[in-house]
């Protein structure tokens, strides 16, 4: 790999990160929190200087005018380390506000990967820090690399490789001619939905700052709330507004863009993945409503509200909470677990295995059963009238296998470190799926990862990156040839 190209892309990433790291300074000025100005100002200026240093001291960087000829290995390397750099730089303001480095890195990683698992036990922090906490997950929701594609013309062609790492679908969704236009269009939709939710929440009576933070959380599939109790105690209108936008976060943004620009909502229902996503959500929410009504003795309206809210929350991997679902009965938690396993759609802000992969796996199993009965039969696996090649099916099979393997191994290690199997397994599932809170009380919606040992936090932080990067860039780093650097 060419060091000059890597330094060039990292310098661009750092310089634009310096801009977003400066935004909390404005929040600090608005709320008169003078003590929060310097931490963000220091890290913003330091990040900017770091970007300039890469350009000045790495040979050949200034000669690069664009990266249209970036190699795939370089693109994947850039994807991975831009996320890690963002997580490290985003942790510095936490350290300067008194967090220990491990906790700061965990919280920053949970934000930038839109996971939402927290180490906070005390929410009495300045508005600027809480804003950064929510804003970082908003950036991570659609992918910080996609943001750079949208604003940096240099990524117009090479961005196609980078975008593929963030939205792995059997075939790239070219709903606009160029990837720069694609990313820009997605961000317009993403920004528009965020603004719309903020307005609706304010109309529903929520505080402006809380409305902004909760909108960042729900549209991004992140889950951080500025309140220690998340959305417990919120009014029904607020819960239903957030529920709708969480559901949108778990659906394909490219598909939503098509439906909006064509003024045709039926576009959504012509898509097999969206139909499956909607069907699973409706079935789980209905069954959960019955379970809460029968087992938790909620009234009908409360049962319906909490069930639809929490199903949308776990399937979009947002995990904002309207109730302490870790204390629900086992039937209710089992239904939520099914939603966690199902996950969100491809090209969405959510995490998890993704609905599309489950669809293809089930169709692959069906084709194998048919072959057992009819060995000479030709059975093509299709989705949305698209014939999926055997290579893609094999890749998906390998993806799910590696996903489960990493989940099991990290869950096993954390279980040993913590001396608690439930914490280890649920923590591993929640972090690699970018869900955040677990179904157990200690690390549940009203809990925290703070009591875990530092090594467990680092392992679960790695899980967040692996889940967010969809494994492929992570696995590529284990290839020897990718570490062959040249000028």
Protein backbone atom coordinates (compact mmCIF):
# COMPACT_ATOMS: atom_id res chain seq x y z
CA UNK A 1 0.00 0.00 0.00
CA UNK A 2 1.15 3.52 -0.76
CA UNK A 3 1.88 5.50 2.38
CA UNK A 4 1.35 8.80 0.57
CA UNK A 5 -2.24 7.88 -0.35
CA UNK A 6 -3.00 6.70 3.18
CA UNK A 7 -1.56 9.88 4.67
CA UNK A 8 -3.56 11.97 2.21
CA UNK A 9 -6.90 10.33 3.11
CA UNK A 10 -6.15 10.36 6.84
CA UNK A 11 -5.23 14.06 6.66
CA UNK A 12 -8.54 14.82 4.95
CA UNK A 13 -10.43 12.82 7.56
CA UNK A 14 -8.66 14.58 10.43
CA UNK A 15 -9.20 18.04 9.02
CA UNK A 16 -12.92 17.48 8.60
CA UNK A 17 -13.13 15.81 12.00
CA UNK A 18 -11.64 18.96 13.46
CA UNK A 19 -14.66 20.87 12.18
CA UNK A 20 -17.24 18.58 13.81
CA UNK A 21 -15.19 18.51 17.02
CA UNK A 22 -15.50 22.30 17.16
CA UNK A 23 -19.33 22.26 17.16
CA UNK A 24 -19.63 21.49 20.92
CA UNK A 25 -17.75 24.75 21.55
CA UNK A 26 -20.75 26.58 20.12
CA UNK A 27 -23.06 24.60 22.43
CA UNK A 28 -20.83 25.49 25.39
CA UNK A 29 -21.08 29.19 24.49
CA UNK A 30 -24.88 28.98 24.19
CA UNK A 31 -25.21 27.44 27.66
CA UNK A 32 -22.41 29.52 29.21
CA UNK A 33 -20.31 26.45 30.04
CA UNK A 34 -16.89 28.07 29.85
CA UNK A 35 -15.14 25.02 31.35
CA UNK A 36 -16.16 22.92 28.31
CA UNK A 37 -14.79 25.30 25.69
CA UNK A 38 -11.09 24.53 26.07
CA UNK A 39 -11.35 20.68 25.96
CA UNK A 40 -13.12 20.74 22.60
CA UNK A 41 -11.05 23.65 21.32
CA UNK A 42 -7.83 21.81 22.17
CA UNK A 43 -8.83 18.59 20.44
CA UNK A 44 -10.26 20.43 17.42
CA UNK A 45 -7.09 22.45 16.87
CA UNK A 46 -4.88 19.45 17.62
CA UNK A 47 -6.74 17.31 15.09
CA UNK A 48 -6.45 20.03 12.45
CA UNK A 49 -2.70 20.37 13.09
CA UNK A 50 -2.34 16.59 12.91
CA UNK A 51 -3.92 16.60 9.46
CA UNK A 52 -1.59 19.37 8.28
CA UNK A 53 1.45 17.53 9.67
CA UNK A 54 0.59 14.42 7.69
CA UNK A 55 0.50 16.51 4.54
CA UNK A 56 3.70 18.35 5.33
CA UNK A 57 5.98 15.59 6.60
CA UNK A 58 4.88 12.48 4.64
CA UNK A 59 6.69 12.35 1.33
CA UNK A 60 4.57 12.58 -1.81
CA UNK A 61 1.31 13.67 -0.15
CA UNK A 62 1.35 17.18 -1.63
CA UNK A 63 1.73 15.72 -5.11
CA UNK A 64 -1.62 13.89 -4.86
CA UNK A 65 -4.48 15.87 -6.35
CA UNK A 66 -7.17 13.19 -6.10
CA UNK A 67 -7.49 9.55 -5.03
CA UNK A 68 -9.54 8.29 -7.93
CA UNK A 69 -7.01 5.51 -8.46
CA UNK A 70 -6.96 4.33 -4.85
CA UNK A 71 -6.60 0.56 -4.53
CA UNK A 72 -9.22 -1.62 -2.85
CA UNK A 73 -6.80 -2.62 -0.07
CA UNK A 74 -6.03 1.04 0.56
CA UNK A 75 -9.72 1.91 0.60
CA UNK A 76 -10.53 -0.82 3.14
CA UNK A 77 -7.54 0.16 5.26
CA UNK A 78 -8.74 3.77 5.16
CA UNK A 79 -12.28 2.76 6.16
CA UNK A 80 -11.06 0.84 9.20
CA UNK A 81 -8.54 3.34 10.51
CA UNK A 82 -10.68 6.41 9.88
CA UNK A 83 -13.25 4.85 12.22
CA UNK A 84 -10.57 4.07 14.80
CA UNK A 85 -9.04 7.54 14.52
CA UNK A 86 -12.49 9.07 14.97
CA UNK A 87 -13.03 6.93 18.08
CA UNK A 88 -9.66 7.89 19.61
CA UNK A 89 -10.00 11.60 18.86
CA UNK A 90 -13.61 11.58 20.04
CA UNK A 91 -12.46 10.10 23.36
CA UNK A 92 -10.16 13.02 24.19
CA UNK A 93 -12.97 15.42 25.27
CA UNK A 94 -14.20 12.72 27.69
CA UNK A 95 -10.70 12.39 29.17
CA UNK A 96 -10.47 16.17 29.56
CA UNK A 97 -13.81 16.06 31.41
CA UNK A 98 -12.46 13.57 33.95
CA UNK A 99 -13.11 10.13 32.41
CA UNK A 100 -10.37 7.52 32.65
CA UNK A 101 -8.92 6.69 29.19
CA UNK A 102 -10.55 3.24 28.87
CA UNK A 103 -14.00 4.54 29.78
CA UNK A 104 -13.52 7.52 27.47
CA UNK A 105 -12.56 5.24 24.57
CA UNK A 106 -15.50 2.90 25.24
CA UNK A 107 -17.99 5.79 25.33
CA UNK A 108 -16.52 7.40 22.21
CA UNK A 109 -16.51 4.08 20.34
CA UNK A 110 -20.11 3.43 21.35
CA UNK A 111 -20.98 6.81 19.89
CA UNK A 112 -19.01 6.77 16.65
CA UNK A 113 -20.18 3.21 15.86
CA UNK A 114 -23.79 4.14 16.75
CA UNK A 115 -23.89 1.34 19.32
CA UNK A 116 -25.17 3.24 22.33
CA UNK A 117 -23.77 1.10 25.13
CA UNK A 118 -22.65 3.44 27.88
CA UNK A 119 -20.35 3.53 30.89
CA UNK A 120 -22.17 6.52 32.39
CA UNK A 121 -23.59 6.13 35.87
CA UNK A 122 -23.90 9.88 36.35
CA UNK A 123 -25.51 12.10 33.71
CA UNK A 124 -24.64 15.40 35.37
CA UNK A 125 -22.25 16.56 32.66
CA UNK A 126 -22.13 19.81 30.65
CA UNK A 127 -24.47 20.25 27.70
CA UNK A 128 -21.47 20.45 25.35
CA UNK A 129 -20.25 16.97 26.30
CA UNK A 130 -23.74 15.46 26.14
CA UNK A 131 -24.20 17.11 22.75
CA UNK A 132 -20.95 15.58 21.49
CA UNK A 133 -22.02 12.20 22.88
CA UNK A 134 -25.23 12.30 20.84
CA UNK A 135 -23.77 14.05 17.79
CA UNK A 136 -20.96 11.49 17.45
CA UNK A 137 -23.49 8.69 17.02
CA UNK A 138 -25.42 10.78 14.50
CA UNK A 139 -22.21 10.99 12.45
CA UNK A 140 -21.61 7.28 12.89
CA UNK A 141 -25.15 6.31 11.98
CA UNK A 142 -24.71 6.69 8.25
CA UNK A 143 -20.97 6.22 8.39
CA UNK A 144 -18.36 8.87 8.91
CA UNK A 145 -16.67 7.78 5.71
CA UNK A 146 -19.89 8.36 3.76
CA UNK A 147 -19.97 11.87 5.21
CA UNK A 148 -16.51 12.46 3.82
CA UNK A 149 -17.58 11.10 0.45
CA UNK A 150 -20.42 13.59 0.44
CA UNK A 151 -18.21 16.60 1.14
CA UNK A 152 -14.91 15.64 -0.48
CA UNK A 153 -14.87 15.61 -4.28
CA UNK A 154 -11.68 13.51 -4.18
CA UNK A 155 -13.73 10.49 -3.10
CA UNK A 156 -16.11 10.69 -6.07
CA UNK A 157 -14.85 7.48 -7.71
CA UNK A 158 -12.89 5.72 -4.98
CA UNK A 159 -15.83 6.28 -2.70
CA UNK A 160 -17.65 3.45 -4.44
CA UNK A 161 -15.30 1.00 -2.69
CA UNK A 162 -15.63 2.78 0.64
CA UNK A 163 -19.41 2.96 0.44
CA UNK A 164 -19.56 -0.75 -0.32
CA UNK A 165 -17.86 -1.45 3.00
CA UNK A 166 -20.60 0.48 4.82
CA UNK A 167 -23.61 -0.90 2.93
CA UNK A 168 -22.85 -4.44 1.73
CA UNK A 169 -25.65 -5.51 -0.57
CA UNK A 170 -25.42 -8.22 -3.24
CA UNK A 171 -25.17 -5.45 -5.80
CA UNK A 172 -24.31 -1.80 -5.30
CA UNK A 173 -27.44 0.31 -5.27
CA UNK A 174 -26.74 2.85 -8.01
CA UNK A 175 -29.83 4.97 -7.61
CA UNK A 176 -27.77 8.01 -8.63
CA UNK A 177 -25.07 7.95 -11.31
CA UNK A 178 -22.11 8.75 -9.06
CA UNK A 179 -21.28 7.69 -5.54
CA UNK A 180 -20.71 11.29 -4.50
CA UNK A 181 -24.28 12.13 -5.56
CA UNK A 182 -25.51 8.99 -3.83
CA UNK A 183 -23.86 9.86 -0.54
CA UNK A 184 -24.96 13.49 -0.80
CA UNK A 185 -28.57 12.44 -1.44
CA UNK A 186 -28.54 10.04 1.51
CA UNK A 187 -27.24 12.74 3.81
CA UNK A 188 -29.92 15.18 2.66
CA UNK A 189 -32.55 12.58 3.56
CA UNK A 190 -30.77 11.79 6.83
CA UNK A 191 -30.52 15.46 7.78
CA UNK A 192 -34.11 16.12 6.73
CA UNK A 193 -35.47 13.29 8.87
CA UNK A 194 -33.45 14.54 11.84
CA UNK A 195 -34.78 18.10 11.53
CA UNK A 196 -38.34 16.81 11.08
CA UNK A 197 -38.10 14.69 14.22
CA UNK A 198 -36.69 17.60 16.25
CA UNK A 199 -39.61 19.79 15.19
CA UNK A 200 -42.20 17.10 15.97
CA UNK A 201 -40.69 16.36 19.39
CA UNK A 202 -40.66 20.06 20.27
CA UNK A 203 -44.30 20.34 19.22
CA UNK A 204 -45.04 17.31 21.42
CA UNK A 205 -43.60 19.20 24.40
CA UNK A 206 -40.05 17.93 24.70
CA UNK A 207 -37.22 20.26 25.72
CA UNK A 208 -35.29 21.54 22.68
CA UNK A 209 -31.90 20.16 23.77
CA UNK A 210 -33.37 16.78 24.70
CA UNK A 211 -35.30 16.72 21.41
CA UNK A 212 -32.08 17.32 19.47
CA UNK A 213 -30.17 14.61 21.33
CA UNK A 214 -32.98 12.05 21.07
CA UNK A 215 -33.40 12.81 17.38
CA UNK A 216 -29.68 12.24 16.83
CA UNK A 217 -30.09 8.94 18.68
CA UNK A 218 -33.16 7.60 16.89
CA UNK A 219 -32.37 8.62 13.30
CA UNK A 220 -28.84 7.22 13.64
CA UNK A 221 -29.85 3.96 15.29
CA UNK A 222 -27.51 4.99 18.10
CA UNK A 223 -29.42 4.97 21.37
CA UNK A 224 -27.66 7.52 23.58
CA UNK A 225 -30.08 9.65 25.56
CA UNK A 226 -29.17 12.72 27.65
CA UNK A 227 -31.37 11.30 30.41
CA UNK A 228 -30.33 8.45 32.69
CA UNK A 229 -33.77 6.88 32.30
CA UNK A 230 -33.74 7.14 28.49
CA UNK A 231 -37.39 7.76 27.47
CA UNK A 232 -39.00 6.27 30.56
CA UNK A 233 -41.82 8.57 31.59
CA UNK A 234 -42.13 10.22 28.17
CA UNK A 235 -45.63 10.92 26.89
CA UNK A 236 -47.24 8.64 24.31
CA UNK A 237 -46.95 11.20 21.46
CA UNK A 238 -43.20 11.48 22.06
CA UNK A 239 -42.81 7.69 22.19
CA UNK A 240 -44.71 7.18 18.93
CA UNK A 241 -42.73 9.92 17.16
CA UNK A 242 -39.42 8.36 18.24
CA UNK A 243 -40.76 4.89 17.38
CA UNK A 244 -41.49 5.95 13.80
CA UNK A 245 -38.04 7.45 13.25
CA UNK A 246 -36.30 4.44 14.78
CA UNK A 247 -38.20 2.23 12.37
CA UNK A 248 -37.01 4.47 9.52
CA UNK A 249 -33.43 4.19 10.81
CA UNK A 250 -33.63 0.41 10.45
CA UNK A 251 -35.00 0.57 6.90
CA UNK A 252 -32.88 1.15 3.81
CA UNK A 253 -32.20 4.87 3.37
CA UNK A 254 -31.62 4.41 -0.35
CA UNK A 255 -35.04 2.78 -0.66
CA UNK A 256 -36.65 5.58 1.36
CA UNK A 257 -34.94 8.10 -0.91
CA UNK A 258 -36.44 6.42 -3.97
CA UNK A 259 -39.91 6.38 -2.43
CA UNK A 260 -39.73 10.07 -1.51
CA UNK A 261 -38.24 11.36 -4.77
CA UNK A 262 -40.69 9.32 -6.86
CA UNK A 263 -43.63 10.30 -4.63
CA UNK A 264 -44.51 6.63 -4.53
CA UNK A 265 -44.57 4.84 -1.14
CA UNK A 266 -45.38 1.58 -2.95
CA UNK A 267 -41.68 1.46 -3.88
CA UNK A 268 -41.08 0.36 -0.31
CA UNK A 269 -43.47 -2.57 -0.51
CA UNK A 270 -42.04 -3.81 -3.80
CA UNK A 271 -38.78 -4.48 -1.98
CA UNK A 272 -38.57 -7.95 -0.44
CA UNK A 273 -36.24 -6.91 2.36
CA UNK A 274 -38.49 -4.04 3.50
CA UNK A 275 -41.57 -6.29 3.40
CA UNK A 276 -39.76 -8.85 5.56
CA UNK A 277 -38.54 -6.14 7.94
CA UNK A 278 -42.05 -4.75 8.32
CA UNK A 279 -43.62 -8.20 8.68
CA UNK A 280 -41.20 -9.28 11.42
CA UNK A 281 -41.70 -5.98 13.28
CA UNK A 282 -45.50 -6.24 13.16
CA UNK A 283 -45.58 -9.89 14.23
CA UNK A 284 -43.11 -9.38 17.10
CA UNK A 285 -44.84 -6.20 18.29
CA UNK A 286 -48.24 -7.90 18.26
CA UNK A 287 -46.99 -10.93 20.18
CA UNK A 288 -45.12 -8.70 22.61
CA UNK A 289 -48.28 -6.65 23.22
CA UNK A 290 -50.12 -9.81 24.18
CA UNK A 291 -47.23 -10.93 26.41
CA UNK A 292 -47.02 -7.58 28.24
CA UNK A 293 -50.79 -7.47 28.69
CA UNK A 294 -50.91 -11.02 30.06
CA UNK A 295 -47.66 -11.23 32.03
CA UNK A 296 -46.85 -7.67 33.09
CA UNK A 297 -50.50 -6.63 33.53
CA UNK A 298 -50.11 -3.48 31.44
CA UNK A 299 -53.29 -1.96 30.03
CA UNK A 300 -53.94 -2.36 26.31
CA UNK A 301 -52.64 1.07 25.23
CA UNK A 302 -49.49 0.77 27.35
CA UNK A 303 -48.84 -2.75 26.07
CA UNK A 304 -49.16 -1.67 22.43
CA UNK A 305 -47.08 1.48 22.90
CA UNK A 306 -44.17 -0.22 24.69
CA UNK A 307 -44.18 -3.25 22.40
CA UNK A 308 -44.08 -1.30 19.14
CA UNK A 309 -41.51 1.11 20.59
CA UNK A 310 -39.14 -1.58 21.84
CA UNK A 311 -39.44 -3.79 18.75
CA UNK A 312 -38.58 -0.81 16.53
CA UNK A 313 -35.78 0.02 18.94
CA UNK A 314 -34.08 -3.39 18.96
CA UNK A 315 -34.58 -4.15 15.26
CA UNK A 316 -33.06 -0.81 14.27
CA UNK A 317 -30.37 -1.52 16.92
CA UNK A 318 -31.16 1.83 18.54
CA UNK A 319 -32.21 0.49 21.93
CA UNK A 320 -33.68 3.66 23.34
CA UNK A 321 -36.04 2.44 26.03
CA UNK A 322 -39.58 3.38 26.98
CA UNK A 323 -39.48 0.90 29.85
CA UNK A 324 -36.92 -1.21 31.67
CA UNK A 325 -37.25 -4.20 29.34
CA UNK A 326 -34.48 -6.05 31.22
CA UNK A 327 -37.02 -6.59 34.01
CA UNK A 328 -39.75 -7.95 31.71
CA UNK A 329 -40.84 -11.58 31.81
CA UNK A 330 -38.87 -14.21 29.88
CA UNK A 331 -41.43 -14.50 27.06
CA UNK A 332 -41.25 -10.77 26.37
CA UNK A 333 -37.45 -10.75 26.47
CA UNK A 334 -37.34 -13.78 24.17
CA UNK A 335 -39.44 -11.90 21.61
CA UNK A 336 -37.09 -8.91 21.86
CA UNK A 337 -34.15 -11.27 21.36
CA UNK A 338 -35.66 -12.44 18.07
CA UNK A 339 -35.80 -8.79 17.00
CA UNK A 340 -32.16 -8.33 17.99
CA UNK A 341 -31.13 -11.33 15.87
CA UNK A 342 -33.19 -10.15 12.89
CA UNK A 343 -31.51 -6.74 12.81
CA UNK A 344 -32.02 -3.95 10.31
CA UNK A 345 -31.96 -3.60 6.53
CA UNK A 346 -28.95 -3.13 4.27
CA UNK A 347 -28.10 0.54 3.58
CA UNK A 348 -29.75 1.50 6.87
CA UNK A 349 -28.28 3.21 9.92
CA UNK A 350 -28.81 0.06 11.97
CA UNK A 351 -26.48 -2.83 12.68
CA UNK A 352 -26.88 -6.54 13.13
CA UNK A 353 -26.61 -9.34 10.58
CA UNK A 354 -29.11 -7.52 8.32
CA UNK A 355 -32.49 -8.80 7.08
CA UNK A 356 -31.20 -9.31 3.53
CA UNK A 357 -28.60 -11.83 4.67
CA UNK A 358 -31.20 -13.82 6.61
CA UNK A 359 -33.48 -13.86 3.55
CA UNK A 360 -30.69 -15.18 1.34
CA UNK A 361 -29.60 -17.77 3.92
CA UNK A 362 -33.12 -19.14 4.25
CA UNK A 363 -33.49 -19.27 0.46
CA UNK A 364 -30.13 -21.01 0.22
CA UNK A 365 -31.27 -23.64 2.74
CA UNK A 366 -34.51 -24.08 0.80
CA UNK A 367 -32.56 -24.63 -2.42
CA UNK A 368 -30.42 -27.28 -0.74
CA UNK A 369 -33.54 -29.10 0.51
CA UNK A 370 -34.94 -29.06 -3.03
CA UNK A 371 -31.71 -30.52 -4.37
CA UNK A 372 -31.95 -33.39 -1.91
CA UNK A 373 -35.34 -34.39 -3.37
CA UNK A 374 -34.54 -33.38 -6.95
CA UNK A 375 -30.76 -33.71 -7.52
CA UNK A 376 -30.98 -32.64 -11.18
CA UNK A 377 -33.15 -29.62 -10.56
CA UNK A 378 -31.75 -26.15 -11.26
CA UNK A 379 -32.79 -23.81 -8.47
CA UNK A 380 -31.69 -20.18 -8.61
CA UNK A 381 -31.79 -18.06 -5.48
CA UNK A 382 -33.51 -14.79 -6.31
CA UNK A 383 -34.32 -11.62 -4.38
CA UNK A 384 -36.25 -8.70 -5.89
CA UNK A 385 -36.06 -10.51 -9.25
CA UNK A 386 -32.27 -10.50 -8.99
CA UNK A 387 -30.49 -13.85 -9.37
CA UNK A 388 -27.88 -14.08 -6.65
CA UNK A 389 -24.64 -15.71 -7.71
CA UNK A 390 -23.12 -18.62 -5.82
CA UNK A 391 -20.09 -16.49 -4.97
CA UNK A 392 -22.27 -13.94 -3.18
CA UNK A 393 -24.17 -16.66 -1.34
CA UNK A 394 -20.88 -18.19 -0.23
CA UNK A 395 -19.64 -14.78 0.97
CA UNK A 396 -22.82 -14.27 2.99
CA UNK A 397 -22.51 -17.74 4.48
CA UNK A 398 -18.93 -16.95 5.46
CA UNK A 399 -19.97 -13.58 6.86
CA UNK A 400 -22.59 -15.09 9.15
CA UNK A 401 -20.17 -17.85 10.19
CA UNK A 402 -17.45 -15.36 11.11
CA UNK A 403 -20.03 -13.13 12.80
CA UNK A 404 -21.20 -15.96 15.04
CA UNK A 405 -17.61 -17.14 15.65
CA UNK A 406 -16.44 -13.70 16.81
CA UNK A 407 -19.57 -13.30 18.91
CA UNK A 408 -19.02 -16.67 20.62
CA UNK A 409 -15.28 -16.21 21.19
CA UNK A 410 -15.57 -12.68 22.61
CA UNK A 411 -18.58 -13.72 24.67
CA UNK A 412 -16.60 -16.64 26.09
CA UNK A 413 -13.59 -14.47 26.96
CA UNK A 414 -15.68 -11.71 28.57
CA UNK A 415 -17.64 -14.34 30.52
CA UNK A 416 -14.37 -15.61 32.02
CA UNK A 417 -13.08 -12.12 32.75
CA UNK A 418 -16.32 -11.07 34.45
CA UNK A 419 -17.12 -14.42 36.03
CA UNK A 420 -20.63 -14.07 34.61
CA UNK A 421 -21.85 -15.92 31.52
CA UNK A 422 -24.96 -13.78 31.06
CA UNK A 423 -22.95 -10.55 30.99
CA UNK A 424 -20.38 -12.05 28.62
CA UNK A 425 -22.84 -13.47 26.10
CA UNK A 426 -25.34 -10.60 26.13
CA UNK A 427 -22.55 -8.03 26.04
CA UNK A 428 -20.94 -9.70 23.05
CA UNK A 429 -24.25 -9.98 21.15
CA UNK A 430 -25.17 -6.37 21.89
CA UNK A 431 -21.82 -4.84 20.97
CA UNK A 432 -21.11 -6.76 17.77
CA UNK A 433 -24.69 -6.07 16.71
CA UNK A 434 -24.24 -2.35 17.56
CA UNK A 435 -27.24 -2.59 19.88
CA UNK A 436 -25.73 -1.31 23.13
CA UNK A 437 -27.89 -2.17 26.14
CA UNK A 438 -28.45 -5.84 26.87
CA UNK A 439 -31.36 -7.87 28.21
CA UNK A 440 -29.76 -8.25 31.66
CA UNK A 441 -30.15 -5.70 34.44
CA UNK A 442 -26.48 -4.76 34.96
CA UNK A 443 -25.89 -3.67 31.36
CA UNK A 444 -29.54 -3.18 30.42
CA UNK A 445 -31.37 0.00 29.39
CA UNK A 446 -31.02 1.52 32.86
CA UNK A 447 -27.62 -0.07 33.52
CA UNK A 448 -24.05 0.63 32.53
CA UNK A 449 -20.89 -1.15 31.35
CA UNK A 450 -18.86 0.84 33.90
CA UNK A 451 -18.44 -2.05 36.37
CA UNK A 452 -16.79 -4.31 33.78
CA UNK A 453 -13.01 -4.69 33.87
CA UNK A 454 -10.88 -2.65 31.47
CA UNK A 455 -9.97 -5.63 29.28
CA UNK A 456 -13.66 -6.53 28.85
CA UNK A 457 -14.38 -2.95 27.80
CA UNK A 458 -11.59 -3.05 25.20
CA UNK A 459 -12.83 -6.38 23.81
CA UNK A 460 -16.40 -5.08 23.57
CA UNK A 461 -15.11 -1.85 21.99
CA UNK A 462 -13.39 -3.97 19.33
CA UNK A 463 -16.70 -5.79 18.82
CA UNK A 464 -18.41 -2.46 18.13
CA UNK A 465 -15.89 -1.64 15.39
CA UNK A 466 -16.09 -5.13 13.90
CA UNK A 467 -19.89 -5.00 13.81
CA UNK A 468 -20.01 -1.50 12.39
CA UNK A 469 -17.42 -2.25 9.70
CA UNK A 470 -19.32 -5.39 8.68
CA UNK A 471 -16.32 -7.66 9.40
CA UNK A 472 -14.78 -7.48 5.90
CA UNK A 473 -12.36 -4.57 6.44
CA UNK A 474 -11.47 -6.09 9.81
CA UNK A 475 -10.70 -9.52 8.33
CA UNK A 476 -8.70 -7.93 5.51
CA UNK A 477 -6.29 -6.51 8.10
CA UNK A 478 -5.16 -10.06 8.88
CA UNK A 479 -3.79 -10.52 5.35
CA UNK A 480 0.01 -10.13 5.18
CA UNK A 481 0.03 -8.28 1.88
CA UNK A 482 -2.04 -5.40 3.21
CA UNK A 483 0.80 -4.48 5.58
CA UNK A 484 3.31 -4.06 2.76
CA UNK A 485 3.83 -0.31 2.70
CA UNK A 486 5.66 1.70 0.10
CA UNK A 487 6.13 5.38 -0.64
